[in-house]
Amino acid sequence: MTATPAMAGRLQCVPFAREMSGIDIYGNAKTWWSQAEGRYARGTTPKIGAVLAFEATGKMRLGHVAMVSQIVSDREILLTHANWSRPGGIERDVRAIDVSVAGDWSEVRVWYGPLRDLGKSAYPAKGFIYAAPALQATPLDGGASNAPVTIAANALTTPVILGLLGTPAF
């Protein structure tokens, strides 16, 4: 039995988060938040399978991404990620807490293996990228707005495209 690339030994946070979450974004972690705009739903509420996007800092020049593996409370989650406590290491279900004043996950402390506790630093975060891609749909009713409507892909149970006469077009 062979291991998949993200499961085999040392790697970076980006390919690991992409494989674990199914979010198809490439490039440095610091670019994930902006790349997700219009492609994936984003927000400040943790959900299992979502990716928490950390901002780049002096300590993390390229940012960091980690997948939410469990919700403990509104201010505590468990993360599964790579390349945090040791270079290329994979950590599963490690504690992360929201320490932001507003309770919006904009500042986070994360378990750090060498301390066997939460790390001493609080890191800025941009928010959560949700695994279901956002679909763009333009209203067909000739309504007042020509702005696209964003629909979460997992909200659709059976994708059906309606033709001009209201019949399914496959």
Protein backbone atom coordinates (compact mmCIF):
# COMPACT_ATOMS: atom_id res chain seq x y z
CA MET A 1 0.00 0.00 0.00
CA THR A 2 1.46 3.37 -0.99
CA ALA A 3 0.79 6.68 0.70
CA THR A 4 -0.70 9.60 -1.17
CA PRO A 5 1.64 12.62 -1.49
CA ALA A 6 0.04 14.54 1.38
CA MET A 7 0.26 11.54 3.67
CA ALA A 8 3.90 10.72 2.95
CA GLY A 9 6.36 12.31 5.36
CA ARG A 10 7.39 15.95 5.05
CA LEU A 11 5.45 18.54 3.13
CA GLN A 12 4.15 22.07 3.15
CA CYS A 13 0.79 23.28 4.46
CA VAL A 14 -0.66 24.20 1.04
CA PRO A 15 -0.63 20.82 -0.75
CA PHE A 16 -1.70 19.12 2.47
CA ALA A 17 -4.67 21.49 3.00
CA ARG A 18 -5.65 21.22 -0.67
CA GLU A 19 -5.67 17.41 -0.54
CA MET A 20 -7.43 17.15 2.83
CA SER A 21 -10.11 19.77 2.14
CA GLY A 22 -10.69 19.40 -1.60
CA ILE A 23 -10.24 23.16 -2.05
CA ASP A 24 -8.52 23.49 -5.40
CA ILE A 25 -6.30 26.53 -4.83
CA TYR A 26 -2.59 26.72 -5.61
CA GLY A 27 0.15 29.16 -4.65
CA ASN A 28 1.41 30.37 -1.31
CA ALA A 29 -0.93 30.18 1.67
CA LYS A 30 -0.98 33.99 1.92
CA THR A 31 -2.80 34.10 -1.46
CA TRP A 32 -5.54 31.59 -0.66
CA TRP A 33 -8.01 34.08 0.81
CA SER A 34 -7.95 36.36 -2.22
CA GLN A 35 -7.90 33.43 -4.66
CA ALA A 36 -11.00 31.97 -2.98
CA GLU A 37 -13.04 35.13 -3.65
CA GLY A 38 -15.79 34.25 -6.13
CA ARG A 39 -14.68 30.61 -6.28
CA TYR A 40 -15.40 29.41 -2.74
CA ALA A 41 -17.61 30.73 0.02
CA ARG A 42 -15.65 32.50 2.78
CA GLY A 43 -16.56 33.59 6.28
CA THR A 44 -15.71 33.90 9.95
CA THR A 45 -17.53 30.83 11.25
CA PRO A 46 -15.56 27.59 11.52
CA LYS A 47 -17.03 24.54 9.80
CA ILE A 48 -15.63 21.03 9.55
CA GLY A 49 -13.66 20.71 6.31
CA ALA A 50 -13.15 24.46 5.94
CA VAL A 51 -9.65 25.87 5.66
CA LEU A 52 -8.50 28.58 8.06
CA ALA A 53 -6.35 31.06 6.12
CA PHE A 54 -3.69 32.78 8.22
CA GLU A 55 -2.22 36.11 7.17
CA ALA A 56 1.45 36.39 6.33
CA THR A 57 3.58 37.71 9.21
CA GLY A 58 7.27 38.16 9.94
CA LYS A 59 7.36 34.62 11.34
CA MET A 60 5.16 33.23 8.54
CA ARG A 61 6.19 35.12 5.40
CA LEU A 62 4.09 32.86 3.19
CA GLY A 63 1.08 32.61 5.51
CA HIS A 64 -0.42 29.30 6.59
CA VAL A 65 -3.52 27.21 5.86
CA ALA A 66 -5.04 24.52 8.08
CA MET A 67 -8.20 22.42 7.78
CA VAL A 68 -10.85 22.41 10.49
CA SER A 69 -11.29 18.82 11.67
CA GLN A 70 -13.62 19.40 14.63
CA ILE A 71 -15.61 22.18 16.32
CA VAL A 72 -15.15 22.16 20.10
CA SER A 73 -16.97 25.44 20.87
CA ASP A 74 -17.57 28.83 19.28
CA ARG A 75 -14.00 29.85 20.29
CA GLU A 76 -12.17 26.52 20.01
CA ILE A 77 -11.59 24.16 17.09
CA LEU A 78 -9.27 21.31 16.18
CA LEU A 79 -7.05 21.70 13.13
CA THR A 80 -5.32 19.22 10.88
CA HIS A 81 -2.34 20.74 9.11
CA ALA A 82 1.26 20.37 7.97
CA ASN A 83 4.49 22.27 8.56
CA TRP A 84 3.57 23.99 11.84
CA SER A 85 5.35 22.50 14.87
CA ARG A 86 8.19 21.00 12.86
CA PRO A 87 9.27 21.41 9.23
CA GLY A 88 7.17 19.15 7.01
CA GLY A 89 5.43 17.52 9.98
CA ILE A 90 1.76 16.59 9.86
CA GLU A 91 -0.42 17.23 12.91
CA ARG A 92 -3.98 15.97 13.27
CA ASP A 93 -6.69 17.35 15.53
CA VAL A 94 -4.60 19.98 17.31
CA ARG A 95 -6.19 22.70 19.39
CA ALA A 96 -6.70 26.24 18.07
CA ILE A 97 -8.51 29.01 19.92
CA ASP A 98 -9.96 32.32 18.82
CA VAL A 99 -8.32 35.06 20.90
CA SER A 100 -9.71 37.98 18.90
CA VAL A 101 -11.54 40.69 20.82
CA ALA A 102 -14.51 40.51 18.44
CA GLY A 103 -14.77 36.70 18.53
CA ASP A 104 -14.41 36.58 14.74
CA TRP A 105 -11.38 34.28 14.41
CA SER A 106 -9.19 37.16 13.21
CA GLU A 107 -6.54 36.29 15.81
CA VAL A 108 -5.72 32.69 16.70
CA ARG A 109 -3.42 30.72 18.99
CA VAL A 110 -2.52 27.21 17.83
CA TRP A 111 -1.12 24.10 19.54
CA TYR A 112 2.67 24.01 19.21
CA GLY A 113 4.20 20.56 19.61
CA PRO A 114 7.54 21.48 21.21
CA LEU A 115 5.68 23.27 24.03
CA ARG A 116 3.04 20.54 24.26
CA ASP A 117 0.54 23.40 24.64
CA LEU A 118 -0.81 26.36 22.76
CA GLY A 119 1.94 28.44 21.21
CA LYS A 120 2.85 31.74 22.88
CA SER A 121 2.08 33.82 19.76
CA ALA A 122 -1.30 34.88 18.46
CA TYR A 123 -1.50 34.86 14.67
CA PRO A 124 -3.73 37.03 12.48
CA ALA A 125 -6.18 35.10 10.31
CA LYS A 126 -8.30 36.19 7.37
CA GLY A 127 -11.09 33.68 7.93
CA PHE A 128 -12.42 30.34 6.74
CA ILE A 129 -12.64 29.12 3.16
CA TYR A 130 -15.46 26.61 2.84
CA ALA A 131 -14.92 23.47 0.79
CA ALA A 132 -18.01 23.82 -1.42
CA PRO A 133 -17.19 25.98 -4.44
CA ALA A 134 -19.33 29.02 -5.09
CA LEU A 135 -21.26 28.89 -8.36
CA GLN A 136 -22.14 32.05 -10.25
CA ALA A 137 -25.67 32.18 -11.63
CA THR A 138 -27.23 35.13 -13.40
CA PRO A 139 -30.95 35.66 -12.73
CA LEU A 140 -33.03 34.49 -15.71
CA ASP A 141 -36.17 36.41 -14.75
CA GLY A 142 -35.01 39.76 -16.14
CA GLY A 143 -35.04 41.20 -12.61
CA ALA A 144 -33.75 44.63 -11.70
CA SER A 145 -30.27 43.38 -10.84
CA ASN A 146 -27.74 42.04 -13.29
CA ALA A 147 -25.37 41.17 -10.44
CA PRO A 148 -24.45 37.48 -10.21
CA VAL A 149 -26.03 35.40 -7.47
CA THR A 150 -23.67 33.18 -5.49
CA ILE A 151 -24.95 29.71 -4.67
CA ALA A 152 -23.04 27.19 -2.58
CA ALA A 153 -22.50 24.06 -4.66
CA ASN A 154 -23.56 21.76 -1.83
CA ALA A 155 -26.95 23.54 -1.75
CA LEU A 156 -27.77 21.82 -5.05
CA THR A 157 -28.87 18.24 -4.77
CA THR A 158 -29.22 17.57 -8.50
CA PRO A 159 -27.64 19.94 -10.98
CA VAL A 160 -30.17 20.71 -13.71
CA ILE A 161 -29.75 23.46 -16.26
CA LEU A 162 -33.04 24.77 -17.57
CA GLY A 163 -33.33 25.47 -21.28
CA LEU A 164 -35.20 28.45 -22.69
CA LEU A 165 -38.51 26.61 -22.62
CA GLY A 166 -38.09 25.35 -19.05
CA THR A 167 -37.07 21.85 -20.03
CA PRO A 168 -33.93 20.30 -18.61
CA ALA A 169 -30.94 20.64 -20.92
CA PHE A 170 -28.21 18.06 -20.32
